[in-house]
């Protein structure tokens, strides 16, 4: 095996890529989708921020995903909402909301308030792919004696679960920030990248100039329900 092949081998991760629409929908309320009624527990209403209903982005059924990264093990479903009129903060609940469910039991679709999701919703298709880090990813692994300068691996820069973040400006704040408050969060919660949502023209989801939302989940003991966000665009 060449040193380049070894470099690729030690940096390879699986990812579940997401394609919106383009197939006959199942009409299953448990299906993964963008913009259709999201599932919730009986005591959960439509989420709000500063008195405004949040905008629903997507529902991801992890039991249908061909690959689920370790930080998401034990989870069955995620739903993602944002406040489209507010700054999106770093922590869950600050202008955005990610709800996680460890079971599909007792979930039922929420009625969508007017104007709080895409004009047209679509189910999504999962595909498994090999993914590789960009050059400034903190998890990039080196191979002894191999000069990786100028070597660019094939990062899957699209909406996906798992794999590596597709950095646009830099690695995410939880990988490099020197801000004291950020360092405290990083040390306490040890966020790990789990998924990203890219600009999706199919549903008219525009995140700045072809931007992305990166989601990380805490890997610290007894803090696994904590979620964090970074956003980047060109």
Protein backbone atom coordinates (compact mmCIF):
# COMPACT_ATOMS: atom_id res chain seq x y z
CA UNK A 1 0.00 0.00 0.00
CA UNK A 2 1.39 3.41 -0.97
CA UNK A 3 1.71 6.16 1.63
CA UNK A 4 -1.06 8.08 -0.16
CA UNK A 5 -3.36 5.06 0.05
CA UNK A 6 -2.53 4.74 3.73
CA UNK A 7 -3.22 8.44 4.24
CA UNK A 8 -6.62 7.99 2.64
CA UNK A 9 -7.31 4.83 4.64
CA UNK A 10 -6.64 6.31 8.07
CA UNK A 11 -8.72 9.40 7.27
CA UNK A 12 -11.72 7.67 5.67
CA UNK A 13 -15.08 7.96 7.42
CA UNK A 14 -18.54 6.87 6.41
CA UNK A 15 -21.27 9.45 5.89
CA UNK A 16 -24.95 9.32 4.99
CA UNK A 17 -25.59 11.84 2.25
CA UNK A 18 -29.03 13.36 1.83
CA UNK A 19 -30.81 13.97 -1.47
CA UNK A 20 -34.06 15.94 -1.35
CA UNK A 21 -36.90 14.60 -3.52
CA UNK A 22 -36.58 13.08 -6.96
CA UNK A 23 -38.51 9.92 -6.11
CA UNK A 24 -42.05 8.82 -5.33
CA UNK A 25 -42.77 9.81 -1.70
CA UNK A 26 -43.76 7.14 0.80
CA UNK A 27 -46.16 9.46 2.68
CA UNK A 28 -44.84 7.86 5.88
CA UNK A 29 -44.88 10.47 8.69
CA UNK A 30 -41.71 8.83 10.07
CA UNK A 31 -39.79 9.39 6.83
CA UNK A 32 -36.89 11.82 6.74
CA UNK A 33 -37.89 15.05 5.02
CA UNK A 34 -37.56 18.79 4.57
CA UNK A 35 -40.67 20.89 5.13
CA UNK A 36 -43.34 18.28 5.89
CA UNK A 37 -45.05 18.02 9.32
CA UNK A 38 -42.41 17.17 11.94
CA UNK A 39 -42.96 14.51 14.56
CA UNK A 40 -43.10 15.47 18.22
CA UNK A 41 -44.14 14.16 21.62
CA UNK A 42 -47.66 14.85 22.90
CA UNK A 43 -46.50 17.54 25.36
CA UNK A 44 -44.43 19.42 22.76
CA UNK A 45 -45.96 22.25 20.83
CA UNK A 46 -44.53 24.22 17.95
CA UNK A 47 -41.29 25.80 19.22
CA UNK A 48 -40.90 29.57 19.52
CA UNK A 49 -38.10 32.09 20.02
CA UNK A 50 -38.74 35.60 21.32
CA UNK A 51 -42.46 34.98 20.83
CA UNK A 52 -42.05 33.96 17.17
CA UNK A 53 -42.76 30.46 15.85
CA UNK A 54 -39.57 28.90 14.56
CA UNK A 55 -39.10 27.92 10.93
CA UNK A 56 -38.98 24.16 10.43
CA UNK A 57 -36.06 22.84 8.37
CA UNK A 58 -35.94 19.07 8.46
CA UNK A 59 -36.68 15.77 10.14
CA UNK A 60 -34.00 13.08 10.08
CA UNK A 61 -34.95 9.52 10.96
CA UNK A 62 -31.66 8.00 12.05
CA UNK A 63 -33.09 4.48 11.98
CA UNK A 64 -33.24 4.87 8.18
CA UNK A 65 -29.73 6.28 7.82
CA UNK A 66 -27.14 3.81 6.47
CA UNK A 67 -24.50 5.33 8.73
CA UNK A 68 -24.86 6.97 12.15
CA UNK A 69 -21.74 8.44 13.81
CA UNK A 70 -20.88 7.40 17.35
CA UNK A 71 -22.04 10.65 19.02
CA UNK A 72 -25.56 9.95 17.67
CA UNK A 73 -25.73 6.31 18.77
CA UNK A 74 -28.87 5.62 20.74
CA UNK A 75 -30.90 8.31 18.97
CA UNK A 76 -33.78 7.57 16.60
CA UNK A 77 -34.89 10.92 15.19
CA UNK A 78 -33.87 14.59 14.98
CA UNK A 79 -35.89 17.68 14.05
CA UNK A 80 -34.29 21.04 13.27
CA UNK A 81 -35.86 24.52 13.54
CA UNK A 82 -34.41 28.04 13.21
CA UNK A 83 -35.51 31.62 13.85
CA UNK A 84 -35.06 33.09 10.38
CA UNK A 85 -35.23 36.63 11.80
CA UNK A 86 -32.63 36.20 14.52
CA UNK A 87 -28.91 35.63 14.89
CA UNK A 88 -28.18 31.96 15.32
CA UNK A 89 -26.21 31.45 18.51
CA UNK A 90 -23.78 28.71 19.42
CA UNK A 91 -25.99 26.76 21.82
CA UNK A 92 -29.26 24.93 21.30
CA UNK A 93 -32.20 27.24 21.95
CA UNK A 94 -30.38 30.43 20.99
CA UNK A 95 -32.16 31.28 17.73
CA UNK A 96 -32.40 27.64 16.70
CA UNK A 97 -33.65 24.36 18.12
CA UNK A 98 -32.67 20.76 17.56
CA UNK A 99 -34.97 18.22 19.17
CA UNK A 100 -33.66 14.71 19.66
CA UNK A 101 -35.63 11.53 20.31
CA UNK A 102 -34.24 8.21 21.50
CA UNK A 103 -37.35 6.34 20.33
CA UNK A 104 -39.99 6.66 17.63
CA UNK A 105 -42.68 5.62 20.08
CA UNK A 106 -45.43 8.12 20.98
CA UNK A 107 -44.43 10.57 18.25
CA UNK A 108 -47.06 12.21 16.06
CA UNK A 109 -46.99 14.95 13.39
CA UNK A 110 -47.32 18.60 14.44
CA UNK A 111 -49.62 20.94 12.54
CA UNK A 112 -47.46 23.51 10.75
CA UNK A 113 -48.30 27.16 11.50
CA UNK A 114 -48.67 29.27 8.39
CA UNK A 115 -45.38 30.48 6.93
CA UNK A 116 -43.14 28.37 9.17
CA UNK A 117 -41.65 25.96 6.66
CA UNK A 118 -40.88 25.69 2.96
CA UNK A 119 -43.50 26.35 0.30
CA UNK A 120 -43.23 22.70 -0.70
CA UNK A 121 -41.89 19.83 1.37
CA UNK A 122 -40.01 16.76 0.14
CA UNK A 123 -39.00 13.42 1.56
CA UNK A 124 -35.28 12.67 1.31
CA UNK A 125 -33.14 9.75 0.22
CA UNK A 126 -30.08 8.51 2.13
CA UNK A 127 -26.97 7.14 0.44
CA UNK A 128 -23.78 5.91 2.06
CA UNK A 129 -20.52 7.55 0.99
CA UNK A 130 -16.85 7.61 1.91
CA UNK A 131 -15.86 11.01 3.29
CA UNK A 132 -12.51 12.65 3.99
CA UNK A 133 -11.41 15.73 5.95
CA UNK A 134 -10.47 19.09 4.48
CA UNK A 135 -6.91 20.22 5.17
CA UNK A 136 -7.72 22.26 8.32
CA UNK A 137 -9.90 19.65 10.04
CA UNK A 138 -8.57 19.02 13.57
CA UNK A 139 -9.25 15.28 13.14
CA UNK A 140 -7.01 14.97 10.08
CA UNK A 141 -4.53 12.17 10.76
CA UNK A 142 -0.96 12.11 9.49
CA UNK A 143 1.06 9.21 8.16
CA UNK A 144 4.70 8.92 9.19
CA UNK A 145 7.02 9.84 6.35
CA UNK A 146 4.24 11.08 4.09
CA UNK A 147 4.16 14.71 2.97
CA UNK A 148 0.48 15.66 2.66
CA UNK A 149 1.22 19.20 1.48
CA UNK A 150 -0.88 19.91 -1.58
CA UNK A 151 -2.89 16.70 -1.13
CA UNK A 152 -6.64 17.30 -1.14
CA UNK A 153 -8.90 14.45 -0.13
CA UNK A 154 -12.48 14.14 -1.38
CA UNK A 155 -14.74 15.84 1.16
CA UNK A 156 -18.48 15.41 0.56
CA UNK A 157 -19.64 19.04 0.69
CA UNK A 158 -23.41 18.55 0.95
CA UNK A 159 -26.11 17.87 3.51
CA UNK A 160 -25.06 14.73 5.36
CA UNK A 161 -24.95 12.83 8.63
CA UNK A 162 -21.52 11.84 9.90
CA UNK A 163 -18.29 12.11 7.98
CA UNK A 164 -16.34 15.35 8.26
CA UNK A 165 -17.42 18.98 8.29
CA UNK A 166 -17.07 20.73 4.93
CA UNK A 167 -15.33 23.84 6.19
CA UNK A 168 -15.86 27.01 4.18
CA UNK A 169 -13.93 29.60 6.18
CA UNK A 170 -12.11 27.56 8.82
CA UNK A 171 -12.64 24.69 11.21
CA UNK A 172 -15.65 25.15 13.46
CA UNK A 173 -15.33 27.28 16.60
CA UNK A 174 -15.34 24.22 18.84
CA UNK A 175 -12.13 23.06 17.16
CA UNK A 176 -10.03 26.20 17.36
CA UNK A 177 -11.59 29.09 19.33
CA UNK A 178 -9.35 30.93 21.80
CA UNK A 179 -12.22 32.95 23.26
CA UNK A 180 -12.35 32.22 27.01
CA UNK A 181 -16.09 31.55 26.99
CA UNK A 182 -15.75 29.22 24.01
CA UNK A 183 -12.82 27.38 25.58
CA UNK A 184 -14.89 26.79 28.71
CA UNK A 185 -17.72 25.34 26.61
CA UNK A 186 -15.31 23.18 24.61
CA UNK A 187 -13.61 21.79 27.72
CA UNK A 188 -16.87 21.18 29.56
CA UNK A 189 -18.94 19.64 26.76
CA UNK A 190 -16.35 18.32 24.25
CA UNK A 191 -18.52 18.92 21.14
CA UNK A 192 -18.10 16.50 18.24
CA UNK A 193 -19.29 17.17 14.69
CA UNK A 194 -22.35 15.05 13.81
CA UNK A 195 -24.07 16.49 10.75
CA UNK A 196 -24.34 19.46 8.43
CA UNK A 197 -27.15 21.10 6.49
CA UNK A 198 -26.12 22.81 3.27
CA UNK A 199 -27.87 25.41 1.15
CA UNK A 200 -30.60 23.45 -0.64
CA UNK A 201 -32.09 25.10 -3.72
CA UNK A 202 -34.73 22.37 -4.07
CA UNK A 203 -36.59 23.77 -1.04
CA UNK A 204 -35.19 27.30 -1.34
CA UNK A 205 -33.09 27.00 1.80
CA UNK A 206 -30.44 29.70 1.40
CA UNK A 207 -27.86 29.98 4.16
CA UNK A 208 -26.11 33.21 3.20
CA UNK A 209 -23.91 32.80 0.13
CA UNK A 210 -24.05 29.03 -0.41
CA UNK A 211 -23.50 28.50 3.31
CA UNK A 212 -23.77 25.61 5.73
CA UNK A 213 -24.94 24.86 9.25
CA UNK A 214 -22.70 22.51 11.26
CA UNK A 215 -24.09 20.67 14.29
CA UNK A 216 -22.06 19.15 17.09
CA UNK A 217 -23.24 17.11 20.07
CA UNK A 218 -21.58 16.94 23.47
CA UNK A 219 -19.50 13.85 24.14
CA UNK A 220 -18.88 14.66 27.82
CA UNK A 221 -20.29 12.25 30.36
CA UNK A 222 -23.86 13.09 31.41
CA UNK A 223 -23.97 16.04 28.96
CA UNK A 224 -24.82 14.19 25.76
CA UNK A 225 -28.08 16.07 25.15
CA UNK A 226 -26.26 19.37 24.62
CA UNK A 227 -26.02 20.59 21.01
CA UNK A 228 -23.90 23.30 19.39
CA UNK A 229 -23.95 25.15 16.06
CA UNK A 230 -21.53 26.87 13.72
CA UNK A 231 -22.54 28.58 10.49
CA UNK A 232 -20.28 29.55 7.59
CA UNK A 233 -20.77 30.89 4.10
CA UNK A 234 -18.69 32.25 1.23
